[in-house]
Amino acid sequence: MNTISSLETTDLPAAYHIEQRAHAFPWSEKTFASNQGERYLNFQLTQNGKMAGVCDYASGAG
């Protein structure tokens, strides 16, 4: 079963592991962690109880 839910601080190690595998030039762990919080919408896809993907969206003020 697939589930989409909010990415929590406790999920960051697993999410960063996906970041490293998914990109030839991944963000640093510090940059990745700094792109969390109220200005960002961060989600995870869980497949059969295991994180399978992440999505980060930054909202900016105009």
C-alpha atoms as a PDB file:
ATOM      1  CA  MET A   1       0.000   0.000   0.000  1.00  0.00           C
ATOM      2  CA  ASN A   2       1.241   3.508  -0.856  1.00  0.00           C
ATOM      3  CA  THR A   3       0.781   6.391   1.569  1.00  0.00           C
ATOM      4  CA  ILE A   4       1.668  10.084   1.224  1.00  0.00           C
ATOM      5  CA  SER A   5       2.287  11.913   4.490  1.00  0.00           C
ATOM      6  CA  SER A   6       4.178  14.864   5.921  1.00  0.00           C
ATOM      7  CA  LEU A   7       7.920  14.508   6.304  1.00  0.00           C
ATOM      8  CA  GLU A   8       8.841  14.853   9.979  1.00  0.00           C
ATOM      9  CA  THR A   9      12.198  15.738  11.519  1.00  0.00           C
ATOM     10  CA  THR A  10      12.633  12.121  12.570  1.00  0.00           C
ATOM     11  CA  ASP A  11      12.336  11.100   8.899  1.00  0.00           C
ATOM     12  CA  LEU A  12      15.290  13.231   7.738  1.00  0.00           C
ATOM     13  CA  PRO A  13      17.988  10.514   7.854  1.00  0.00           C
ATOM     14  CA  ALA A  14      15.964   8.207   5.594  1.00  0.00           C
ATOM     15  CA  ALA A  15      14.950  11.114   3.342  1.00  0.00           C
ATOM     16  CA  TYR A  16      18.566  12.243   3.011  1.00  0.00           C
ATOM     17  CA  HIS A  17      19.575   8.709   2.073  1.00  0.00           C
ATOM     18  CA  ILE A  18      17.071   8.921  -0.814  1.00  0.00           C
ATOM     19  CA  GLU A  19      18.464  12.372  -1.736  1.00  0.00           C
ATOM     20  CA  GLN A  20      21.946  10.879  -2.043  1.00  0.00           C
ATOM     21  CA  ARG A  21      20.799   7.963  -4.197  1.00  0.00           C
ATOM     22  CA  ALA A  22      18.513  10.038  -6.437  1.00  0.00           C
ATOM     23  CA  HIS A  23      20.901  12.808  -7.512  1.00  0.00           C
ATOM     24  CA  ALA A  24      24.333  12.841  -9.134  1.00  0.00           C
ATOM     25  CA  PHE A  25      25.108  15.977  -7.102  1.00  0.00           C
ATOM     26  CA  PRO A  26      22.912  15.809  -3.975  1.00  0.00           C
ATOM     27  CA  TRP A  27      22.541  18.658  -1.532  1.00  0.00           C
ATOM     28  CA  SER A  28      24.746  18.566   1.530  1.00  0.00           C
ATOM     29  CA  GLU A  29      23.118  17.164   4.642  1.00  0.00           C
ATOM     30  CA  LYS A  30      23.112  20.667   6.157  1.00  0.00           C
ATOM     31  CA  THR A  31      21.378  22.197   3.105  1.00  0.00           C
ATOM     32  CA  PHE A  32      18.885  19.349   2.960  1.00  0.00           C
ATOM     33  CA  ALA A  33      17.999  19.781   6.648  1.00  0.00           C
ATOM     34  CA  SER A  34      17.675  23.564   6.267  1.00  0.00           C
ATOM     35  CA  ASN A  35      14.983  23.094   3.613  1.00  0.00           C
ATOM     36  CA  GLN A  36      12.482  21.906   6.205  1.00  0.00           C
ATOM     37  CA  GLY A  37      10.094  23.939   8.324  1.00  0.00           C
ATOM     38  CA  GLU A  38       7.129  26.255   7.971  1.00  0.00           C
ATOM     39  CA  ARG A  39       8.236  27.801   4.636  1.00  0.00           C
ATOM     40  CA  TYR A  40       8.368  24.361   3.043  1.00  0.00           C
ATOM     41  CA  LEU A  41       5.914  21.607   2.239  1.00  0.00           C
ATOM     42  CA  ASN A  42       7.721  18.297   2.635  1.00  0.00           C
ATOM     43  CA  PHE A  43       6.112  14.956   1.948  1.00  0.00           C
ATOM     44  CA  GLN A  44       7.119  11.346   1.868  1.00  0.00           C
ATOM     45  CA  LEU A  45       5.817   8.399  -0.082  1.00  0.00           C
ATOM     46  CA  THR A  46       5.724   5.253   2.007  1.00  0.00           C
ATOM     47  CA  GLN A  47       5.363   1.936   0.228  1.00  0.00           C
ATOM     48  CA  ASN A  48       4.554  -1.093   2.357  1.00  0.00           C
ATOM     49  CA  GLY A  49       5.782   0.719   5.471  1.00  0.00           C
ATOM     50  CA  LYS A  50       9.113   1.860   3.981  1.00  0.00           C
ATOM     51  CA  MET A  51       9.973   5.355   2.726  1.00  0.00           C
ATOM     52  CA  ALA A  52      10.193   5.169  -1.063  1.00  0.00           C
ATOM     53  CA  GLY A  53      10.365   8.848  -2.062  1.00  0.00           C
ATOM     54  CA  VAL A  54      10.303  12.447  -0.901  1.00  0.00           C
ATOM     55  CA  CYS A  55       8.989  15.731  -2.269  1.00  0.00           C
ATOM     56  CA  ASP A  56      10.051  19.195  -1.116  1.00  0.00           C
ATOM     57  CA  TYR A  57       8.290  22.413  -2.096  1.00  0.00           C
ATOM     58  CA  ALA A  58       9.398  25.882  -1.035  1.00  0.00           C
ATOM     59  CA  SER A  59       6.858  28.678  -0.924  1.00  0.00           C
ATOM     60  CA  GLY A  60       8.122  32.195  -1.328  1.00  0.00           C
ATOM     61  CA  ALA A  61       6.621  35.556  -0.530  1.00  0.00           C
ATOM     62  CA  GLY A  62       6.017  37.812  -3.508  1.00  0.00           C
END
